[in-house]
Amino acid sequence: MNDKQLDAKIRHDATEIRKDLDTILGDGVSQFSRAFEKVKGDARDTLAGAADTVKREVGQGLNQYNAKAQELANKVPGDLAKNATKYPWVAISLGVGIGLLLGFLLKPSRQS
């Protein structure tokens, strides 16, 4: 084999190697892309399921809380529930005042 033939053979082999590498890399990228899309879809489905579960459980908890609060409001003497609905701003102000008082009393003391 002379130098020209060897040179041509090297160029031909280099071209074939480039084609093979491009094919391998292209297949790897497409496989990675498919795997990424699958993981993304699975994550979306899992998140949607978790959000639905949380929403349902929070709704049930709020319903139970509202039922208990209504039950307690019905037990309070003096028609407090009717007065609270008649004067909502007074009820809100009293609630805020009681909340601030409890917050002040229950906060941890600062130590210097």
Protein backbone atom coordinates (compact mmCIF):
# COMPACT_ATOMS: atom_id res chain seq x y z
CA MET A 1 0.00 0.00 0.00
CA ASN A 2 1.41 3.37 -0.94
CA ASP A 3 1.03 6.65 0.91
CA LYS A 4 -1.98 7.85 -1.12
CA GLN A 5 -3.88 4.64 -0.55
CA LEU A 6 -3.03 4.70 3.16
CA ASP A 7 -4.15 8.34 3.39
CA ALA A 8 -7.42 7.54 1.60
CA LYS A 9 -7.99 4.53 3.86
CA ILE A 10 -7.40 6.65 6.99
CA ARG A 11 -9.82 9.34 5.75
CA HIS A 12 -12.44 6.72 4.90
CA ASP A 13 -12.08 5.02 8.30
CA ALA A 14 -12.23 8.39 10.10
CA THR A 15 -15.43 9.25 8.21
CA GLU A 16 -16.98 5.90 9.12
CA ILE A 17 -16.00 6.35 12.77
CA ARG A 18 -17.58 9.83 12.79
CA LYS A 19 -20.79 8.42 11.33
CA ASP A 20 -20.85 5.63 13.91
CA LEU A 21 -20.23 8.08 16.77
CA ASP A 22 -22.95 10.40 15.49
CA THR A 23 -25.35 7.46 15.35
CA ILE A 24 -24.43 6.31 18.85
CA LEU A 25 -24.71 9.83 20.28
CA GLY A 26 -27.98 10.46 18.47
CA ASP A 27 -29.43 7.21 19.82
CA GLY A 28 -28.20 8.06 23.32
CA VAL A 29 -29.75 11.52 23.18
CA SER A 30 -33.06 10.19 21.92
CA GLN A 31 -33.09 7.48 24.59
CA PHE A 32 -32.30 10.09 27.23
CA SER A 33 -35.05 12.32 25.88
CA ARG A 34 -37.59 9.48 26.01
CA ALA A 35 -36.52 8.55 29.54
CA PHE A 36 -36.74 12.18 30.64
CA GLU A 37 -40.25 12.53 29.19
CA LYS A 38 -41.31 9.34 30.98
CA VAL A 39 -39.93 10.57 34.32
CA LYS A 40 -41.55 13.95 33.78
CA GLY A 41 -44.91 12.33 33.04
CA ASP A 42 -44.63 10.04 36.06
CA ALA A 43 -43.76 12.99 38.30
CA ARG A 44 -46.71 14.99 36.93
CA ASP A 45 -49.10 12.07 37.56
CA THR A 46 -47.75 11.52 41.08
CA LEU A 47 -48.00 15.21 41.90
CA ALA A 48 -51.55 15.42 40.56
CA GLY A 49 -52.55 12.40 42.63
CA ALA A 50 -50.95 13.83 45.75
CA ALA A 51 -52.65 17.20 45.20
CA ASP A 52 -56.03 15.51 44.82
CA THR A 53 -55.47 13.51 48.01
CA VAL A 54 -54.42 16.59 49.97
CA LYS A 55 -57.37 18.58 48.62
CA ARG A 56 -59.82 15.83 49.57
CA GLU A 57 -58.34 15.36 53.06
CA VAL A 58 -58.21 19.10 53.76
CA GLY A 59 -61.83 19.39 52.64
CA GLN A 60 -62.85 16.59 54.99
CA GLY A 61 -60.88 18.17 57.85
CA LEU A 62 -62.49 21.57 57.25
CA ASN A 63 -65.94 19.99 57.16
CA GLN A 64 -65.27 18.28 60.48
CA TYR A 65 -63.91 21.51 61.96
CA ASN A 66 -66.93 23.49 60.77
CA ALA A 67 -69.31 20.88 62.20
CA LYS A 68 -67.56 20.98 65.58
CA ALA A 69 -67.47 24.80 65.59
CA GLN A 70 -71.18 24.94 64.73
CA GLU A 71 -71.92 22.39 67.45
CA LEU A 72 -70.03 24.50 70.02
CA ALA A 73 -71.66 27.71 68.80
CA ASN A 74 -75.08 26.14 69.24
CA LYS A 75 -74.21 25.18 72.85
CA VAL A 76 -73.15 28.73 73.85
CA PRO A 77 -75.90 30.45 75.88
CA GLY A 78 -77.27 33.88 75.09
CA ASP A 79 -77.65 33.42 71.34
CA LEU A 80 -74.02 34.32 70.72
CA ALA A 81 -74.19 32.87 67.20
CA LYS A 82 -77.12 35.15 66.29
CA ASN A 83 -75.41 38.20 67.78
CA ALA A 84 -72.18 37.39 65.94
CA THR A 85 -74.03 37.22 62.63
CA LYS A 86 -75.90 40.43 63.47
CA TYR A 87 -72.69 42.32 64.39
CA PRO A 88 -69.84 40.69 62.42
CA TRP A 89 -67.29 43.48 62.94
CA VAL A 90 -67.74 43.32 66.68
CA ALA A 91 -67.23 39.54 66.59
CA ILE A 92 -64.13 39.92 64.40
CA SER A 93 -62.72 42.63 66.68
CA LEU A 94 -63.29 40.49 69.76
CA GLY A 95 -61.62 37.52 68.03
CA VAL A 96 -58.60 39.61 67.09
CA GLY A 97 -58.36 41.05 70.60
CA ILE A 98 -58.54 37.62 72.22
CA GLY A 99 -55.96 36.31 69.73
CA LEU A 100 -53.55 39.14 70.55
CA LEU A 101 -54.04 38.63 74.26
CA LEU A 102 -53.39 34.90 73.98
CA GLY A 103 -50.37 35.54 71.76
CA PHE A 104 -48.93 37.96 74.30
CA LEU A 105 -49.52 35.58 77.19
CA LEU A 106 -48.24 32.46 75.46
CA LYS A 107 -45.16 33.83 73.71
CA PRO A 108 -41.84 32.69 75.14
CA SER A 109 -40.08 35.28 77.27
CA ARG A 110 -36.94 36.83 75.85
CA GLN A 111 -33.86 36.17 77.89
CA SER A 112 -31.05 38.72 77.77
